[in-house]
C-alpha atoms as a PDB file:
ATOM      1  CA  MET A   1       8.733  22.477  -1.752  1.00  0.00           C
ATOM      2  CA  LEU A   2       8.996  18.691  -1.639  1.00  0.00           C
ATOM      3  CA  GLU A   3      11.395  18.947   1.296  1.00  0.00           C
ATOM      4  CA  ALA A   4       8.981  21.240   3.157  1.00  0.00           C
ATOM      5  CA  LEU A   5       6.146  18.749   2.585  1.00  0.00           C
ATOM      6  CA  ALA A   6       8.339  15.910   3.806  1.00  0.00           C
ATOM      7  CA  ASN A   7       9.240  17.839   6.953  1.00  0.00           C
ATOM      8  CA  THR A   8       5.606  18.693   7.645  1.00  0.00           C
ATOM      9  CA  TRP A   9       4.558  15.073   7.086  1.00  0.00           C
ATOM     10  CA  GLN A  10       7.316  13.844   9.391  1.00  0.00           C
ATOM     11  CA  GLN A  11       6.351  16.330  12.117  1.00  0.00           C
ATOM     12  CA  LEU A  12       2.671  15.394  11.947  1.00  0.00           C
ATOM     13  CA  HIS A  13       3.358  11.687  11.617  1.00  0.00           C
ATOM     14  CA  GLY A  14       5.889  11.814  14.451  1.00  0.00           C
ATOM     15  CA  GLU A  15       3.402  13.544  16.746  1.00  0.00           C
ATOM     16  CA  LEU A  16       0.671  11.051  15.924  1.00  0.00           C
ATOM     17  CA  GLY A  17       3.071   8.135  16.172  1.00  0.00           C
ATOM     18  CA  SER A  18       4.011   9.088  19.716  1.00  0.00           C
ATOM     19  CA  LYS A  19       0.331   9.207  20.711  1.00  0.00           C
ATOM     20  CA  ILE A  20      -0.952   6.189  18.786  1.00  0.00           C
ATOM     21  CA  LYS A  21       0.888   2.903  18.948  1.00  0.00           C
ATOM     22  CA  ALA A  22      -1.068   0.755  16.541  1.00  0.00           C
ATOM     23  CA  PRO A  23      -0.525  -2.980  16.206  1.00  0.00           C
ATOM     24  CA  SER A  24       0.587  -4.237  12.833  1.00  0.00           C
ATOM     25  CA  VAL A  25      -2.050  -5.455  10.436  1.00  0.00           C
ATOM     26  CA  THR A  26      -2.019  -9.230  10.128  1.00  0.00           C
ATOM     27  CA  ARG A  27      -2.149 -10.975   6.759  1.00  0.00           C
ATOM     28  CA  SER A  28      -5.715 -11.999   7.523  1.00  0.00           C
ATOM     29  CA  GLU A  29      -6.730  -8.388   8.284  1.00  0.00           C
ATOM     30  CA  PHE A  30      -4.884  -7.210   5.162  1.00  0.00           C
ATOM     31  CA  ASN A  31      -6.786  -9.761   3.062  1.00  0.00           C
ATOM     32  CA  GLN A  32     -10.093  -8.877   4.683  1.00  0.00           C
ATOM     33  CA  PHE A  33      -9.615  -5.174   4.013  1.00  0.00           C
ATOM     34  CA  CYS A  34      -8.490  -5.644   0.400  1.00  0.00           C
ATOM     35  CA  ALA A  35     -11.474  -7.949  -0.202  1.00  0.00           C
ATOM     36  CA  SER A  36     -13.789  -5.152   0.968  1.00  0.00           C
ATOM     37  CA  LEU A  37     -12.655  -2.886  -1.885  1.00  0.00           C
ATOM     38  CA  SER A  38     -14.630  -2.888  -5.133  1.00  0.00           C
ATOM     39  CA  ALA A  39     -13.943  -5.443  -7.873  1.00  0.00           C
ATOM     40  CA  THR A  40     -10.854  -6.986  -6.274  1.00  0.00           C
ATOM     41  CA  THR A  41      -9.368 -10.430  -6.761  1.00  0.00           C
ATOM     42  CA  ASN A  42      -6.754 -12.262  -4.741  1.00  0.00           C
ATOM     43  CA  VAL A  43      -4.142 -14.728  -5.864  1.00  0.00           C
ATOM     44  CA  ILE A  44      -1.320 -16.419  -4.001  1.00  0.00           C
ATOM     45  CA  GLN A  45       1.792 -16.262  -6.160  1.00  0.00           C
ATOM     46  CA  TRP A  46       5.574 -15.936  -5.957  1.00  0.00           C
ATOM     47  CA  GLY A  47       5.749 -18.533  -3.237  1.00  0.00           C
ATOM     48  CA  ASN A  48       3.292 -17.336  -0.630  1.00  0.00           C
ATOM     49  CA  ALA A  49       2.563 -13.703  -1.528  1.00  0.00           C
ATOM     50  CA  SER A  50      -1.019 -12.516  -1.091  1.00  0.00           C
ATOM     51  CA  VAL A  51      -1.427 -10.428  -4.238  1.00  0.00           C
ATOM     52  CA  TRP A  52      -4.479  -8.176  -4.619  1.00  0.00           C
ATOM     53  CA  LYS A  53      -5.627  -6.965  -8.014  1.00  0.00           C
ATOM     54  CA  VAL A  54      -8.292  -4.821  -9.589  1.00  0.00           C
ATOM     55  CA  GLY A  55      -8.979  -5.445 -13.265  1.00  0.00           C
ATOM     56  CA  GLY A  56      -6.056  -7.890 -13.323  1.00  0.00           C
ATOM     57  CA  LYS A  57      -3.564  -5.230 -12.183  1.00  0.00           C
ATOM     58  CA  ILE A  58      -1.809  -5.430  -8.813  1.00  0.00           C
ATOM     59  CA  PHE A  59      -2.416  -2.723  -6.215  1.00  0.00           C
ATOM     60  CA  ALA A  60      -1.197  -4.333  -2.952  1.00  0.00           C
ATOM     61  CA  ILE A  61       0.904  -7.278  -1.772  1.00  0.00           C
ATOM     62  CA  CYS A  62       1.503  -8.926   1.592  1.00  0.00           C
ATOM     63  CA  SER A  63       4.478 -11.257   1.644  1.00  0.00           C
ATOM     64  CA  ALA A  64       7.647 -12.318   3.395  1.00  0.00           C
ATOM     65  CA  TRP A  65      10.035 -10.725   0.888  1.00  0.00           C
ATOM     66  CA  GLY A  66      13.401 -12.304   0.168  1.00  0.00           C
ATOM     67  CA  ASP A  67      14.972 -13.625   3.372  1.00  0.00           C
ATOM     68  CA  ASP A  68      12.392 -11.922   5.603  1.00  0.00           C
ATOM     69  CA  ILE A  69      10.435 -14.220   7.876  1.00  0.00           C
ATOM     70  CA  GLU A  70       7.716 -11.690   8.704  1.00  0.00           C
ATOM     71  CA  ASP A  71       5.085 -10.521   6.246  1.00  0.00           C
ATOM     72  CA  LYS A  72       5.436  -6.987   4.947  1.00  0.00           C
ATOM     73  CA  VAL A  73       2.902  -4.948   3.005  1.00  0.00           C
ATOM     74  CA  ALA A  74       3.702  -3.144  -0.228  1.00  0.00           C
ATOM     75  CA  PHE A  75       1.402  -0.913  -2.233  1.00  0.00           C
ATOM     76  CA  LYS A  76       1.285   1.290  -5.307  1.00  0.00           C
ATOM     77  CA  CYS A  77       1.312   4.985  -4.454  1.00  0.00           C
ATOM     78  CA  SER A  78       1.278   8.417  -6.044  1.00  0.00           C
ATOM     79  CA  GLY A  79       4.522  10.098  -7.044  1.00  0.00           C
ATOM     80  CA  LEU A  80       4.263  12.490  -4.109  1.00  0.00           C
ATOM     81  CA  SER A  81       3.579   9.738  -1.566  1.00  0.00           C
ATOM     82  CA  TYR A  82       6.431   7.701  -3.011  1.00  0.00           C
ATOM     83  CA  SER A  83       8.823  10.647  -2.672  1.00  0.00           C
ATOM     84  CA  LEU A  84       7.735  11.325   0.901  1.00  0.00           C
ATOM     85  CA  LEU A  85       7.572   7.756   2.174  1.00  0.00           C
ATOM     86  CA  SER A  86      10.720   6.396   0.550  1.00  0.00           C
ATOM     87  CA  ASP A  87      12.821   8.791   2.647  1.00  0.00           C
ATOM     88  CA  GLN A  88      11.036   8.051   5.934  1.00  0.00           C
ATOM     89  CA  GLU A  89      12.110   5.497   8.521  1.00  0.00           C
ATOM     90  CA  GLY A  90       9.967   2.373   8.351  1.00  0.00           C
ATOM     91  CA  PHE A  91       9.551   2.434   4.572  1.00  0.00           C
ATOM     92  CA  ARG A  92      11.574   1.588   1.508  1.00  0.00           C
ATOM     93  CA  PRO A  93      11.031   1.367  -2.211  1.00  0.00           C
ATOM     94  CA  ALA A  94       9.445  -2.045  -2.742  1.00  0.00           C
ATOM     95  CA  PRO A  95      11.803  -4.689  -4.138  1.00  0.00           C
ATOM     96  CA  TYR A  96      11.288  -5.253  -7.885  1.00  0.00           C
ATOM     97  CA  LEU A  97       8.528  -2.610  -7.998  1.00  0.00           C
ATOM     98  CA  ALA A  98      10.251   0.632  -7.005  1.00  0.00           C
ATOM     99  CA  ARG A  99      10.452   2.052 -10.519  1.00  0.00           C
ATOM    100  CA  ALA A 100       6.652   1.831 -10.670  1.00  0.00           C
ATOM    101  CA  LYS A 101       6.410   3.860  -7.420  1.00  0.00           C
ATOM    102  CA  TRP A 102       5.665   1.089  -4.960  1.00  0.00           C
ATOM    103  CA  ILE A 103       6.469   1.374  -1.254  1.00  0.00           C
ATOM    104  CA  GLN A 104       7.092  -1.422   1.212  1.00  0.00           C
ATOM    105  CA  VAL A 105       6.353  -0.925   4.904  1.00  0.00           C
ATOM    106  CA  THR A 106       9.415  -2.304   6.711  1.00  0.00           C
ATOM    107  CA  LYS A 107       8.333  -1.450  10.259  1.00  0.00           C
ATOM    108  CA  PRO A 108       4.706  -2.119  11.188  1.00  0.00           C
ATOM    109  CA  GLU A 109       4.701   0.765  13.670  1.00  0.00           C
ATOM    110  CA  ALA A 110       5.513   3.239  10.869  1.00  0.00           C
ATOM    111  CA  LEU A 111       1.773   3.578  10.127  1.00  0.00           C
ATOM    112  CA  THR A 112      -1.399   3.220  12.112  1.00  0.00           C
ATOM    113  CA  ASP A 113      -3.846   0.643  10.796  1.00  0.00           C
ATOM    114  CA  ASP A 114      -6.075   3.442   9.495  1.00  0.00           C
ATOM    115  CA  GLU A 115      -3.176   5.080   7.643  1.00  0.00           C
ATOM    116  CA  LEU A 116      -2.262   1.761   6.036  1.00  0.00           C
ATOM    117  CA  ARG A 117      -5.878   1.243   4.963  1.00  0.00           C
ATOM    118  CA  ASP A 118      -5.887   4.752   3.478  1.00  0.00           C
ATOM    119  CA  TYR A 119      -2.746   4.018   1.441  1.00  0.00           C
ATOM    120  CA  ILE A 120      -4.165   0.694   0.243  1.00  0.00           C
ATOM    121  CA  SER A 121      -7.441   2.411  -0.727  1.00  0.00           C
ATOM    122  CA  ALA A 122      -5.461   5.057  -2.615  1.00  0.00           C
ATOM    123  CA  ALA A 123      -3.493   2.295  -4.382  1.00  0.00           C
ATOM    124  CA  HIS A 124      -6.782   0.688  -5.427  1.00  0.00           C
ATOM    125  CA  LYS A 125      -7.982   4.032  -6.834  1.00  0.00           C
ATOM    126  CA  ILE A 126      -4.700   4.678  -8.683  1.00  0.00           C
ATOM    127  CA  ILE A 127      -4.780   1.282 -10.372  1.00  0.00           C
ATOM    128  CA  SER A 128      -8.540   1.489 -11.077  1.00  0.00           C
ATOM    129  CA  ALA A 129      -8.013   4.846 -12.796  1.00  0.00           C
ATOM    130  CA  LYS A 130      -5.487   3.232 -15.166  1.00  0.00           C
ATOM    131  CA  LEU A 131      -8.053   0.746 -16.444  1.00  0.00           C
ATOM    132  CA  THR A 132      -9.939   1.522 -19.629  1.00  0.00           C
ATOM    133  CA  ARG A 133     -13.396   3.044 -19.343  1.00  0.00           C
ATOM    134  CA  LYS A 134     -14.873  -0.262 -20.578  1.00  0.00           C
ATOM    135  CA  GLN A 135     -12.932  -2.271 -17.975  1.00  0.00           C
ATOM    136  CA  ARG A 136     -14.086   0.072 -15.205  1.00  0.00           C
ATOM    137  CA  ALA A 137     -17.679  -0.172 -16.437  1.00  0.00           C
ATOM    138  CA  ASP A 138     -17.501  -3.983 -16.660  1.00  0.00           C
ATOM    139  CA  LEU A 139     -16.187  -4.099 -13.083  1.00  0.00           C
ATOM    140  CA  GLY A 140     -18.851  -1.708 -11.805  1.00  0.00           C
ATOM    141  CA  LEU A 141     -16.282   0.958 -10.954  1.00  0.00           C
ATOM    142  CA  ILE A 142     -18.028   3.687 -12.963  1.00  0.00           C
ATOM    143  CA  VAL A 143     -21.187   5.080 -11.455  1.00  0.00           C
END
C-alpha cells in the first residue's frame, strides 16, 4: 500500500511540477512564514542555522548544511510523509535528524512554495501535539 501511495504522490506531484515552476523560498521568506505560526520562537544556532521552535522544541530549520553553500530547509514530518518523501528526488533524510523523521529539501524545485508551507505547518502541528496540555495552554495553542 505504501508503494501505491508513493506512486500516486509521484504522479500527482510530477504533473503539478511540470505545470508550476515555483521559485525557492528564501531564508527571509522562511523566517517570515515560521514567525506567522502560533507561539513560535527563532534562534540562530549551529553556526548560522535559523532554527524555529514551538514550546522549546524544533519543528523547522533553514541552514547551509555541512559543506553546502546554499540554504536548505528541513522539517519534522509524519511517518507517512517521511516514507514518501525520503524516496523522492529532491529530498533526503535530514542529516542528524533522520531517525526522528525529519526531511531535508535538497532541490528547491521539488516543492512549490505552498507545498513547503503546508509541510512546515504540519511540522508545527506535530511538534505542538507532543507538548503537554499545560504547555499548549500556556502558549495559547489550546482553544
